[in-house]
Amino acid sequence: MPDIKVVDVYKRFGRIVALDGVNLHVRDGEYVCIIGPSGSGKSTLLKIIAGIIQPDRGDVFFDDVRVTDLPLEERGIGMVMQDILLFPHMNLWDNVTFSPLTRGYNREIIVNIGNEVMNLLKIRADKKAYPSELSRGEQQMIALARALASRPRVLLLDEPLASLDAHAARALRYELRRMVKELGLTAIHVTHNQEEALSIADRVVVMRKGKIEQVGTPLELYLMPKTPFVSRFIGGEANFLEGHVAQKYGNKAVIELRNGTRLCTYTHLPQGSHVLVAVRPEHIVLMKKTKEIHGENMLEGTIEDKNFLGACIRYVVKTKEGSLIVRMRRGVISFRIGEDVALRLDKVVIFEYPKEGLLKAIAYE
């Protein structure tokens, strides 16, 4: 299955810059998810890879062969969209076997292909049933089977689970990955659902304003974001604190925050640098305050708000460095609104303070 390269691709729609010099390499057999805010260019990039729309500039390569001007039907692509595009007047079997039939295969080959993909996807529905008789989850499975029956080299998925209920989408996402890996396909999956992307992708592409912010494994994006935007976007919430590098010992540094709190961490930035400290809500530990707080990376504060989120509790804690969001696993310990607490910042990420300012650096648009 092909290695896919997108090289210096630009695309505008009137005044709107949809893609602004995008470069991406998807390896043979990879399952890659593309995420980002609405309007970031995710679907436009997928459609250029598919050949549905043409770039204004730049190229697409499959196994180092330029396919930029090649029509969709000649690229060996199977595509599944958010809207389940089955033929309503055809039964399930006719929908699945439509592609091999139009290619003129003989009946025996068509039957073999149809049975193979339906068995692969564990489809148990009556082959003579019509799409209107199925749930949306079952309909999407038939759409996937139809895409696979075309014998694609590449599977492109544009929000394929967005129209399904949460339970059906969760079950189908794992079936998607299993099927892609079993067939050895190269798959590119656009989604707005971060949990979906992080749970099934080999690598995740984060897009913003027509550019790629970062490409990495789910763990790399979570633990080692390269920009403040990625810090905030992955997980949906992050705490940001302003400070400077007060002391430096090799790569180890003491960061002094705006109101005097000192943090010990690691950074490549030189002493005196103006920095932004990012802390995920789940990387802060709350403790009962019994005496004056001492030790590295410690703060004291007061619980301002508390929200039940199922597996965890979300707290808003007022500190001298500003209000911090904390998420703690439910059942570990509970705090009440107005209670004084101690906070330990277990993991922080240090960025050079953005020249455009924090709000612009982390804005979705």
Foldseek 3Di string as FASTA:
>chain_A
DWWKWWAQFWADDVPATLAGGETDTFGQLFAEEEAADPSLNQVVVLCQQQQVDATPDTFMDTNNHTCRNPHNVPQQEQEAEQPLDFDQVQFLLCRLLVQVVVVPDDPVVSVVLSVVLCVLLVPDDDRRHGPVVDDVLSSLSSSVSSSCSNVGQEYEYYQNCVPDPPVSSVVVLVSVLVSSNVVSHRYYHYHNDLVSRLVRGQKYWYGASNYTQDIGHSVCLAAPRPFVQSLCSRVPHKDKFKFFFADDDPQWTWTATPVGAIAIDGHPDDHGFTKIKIAHQAQKDKAADDDDDDDHQKWKWFWADWDDDDQWIWTWTQTPRGTDIHIDGPPPDDDDGGGIIMMHRRGIDMDRQDPVHDCVRNDSD
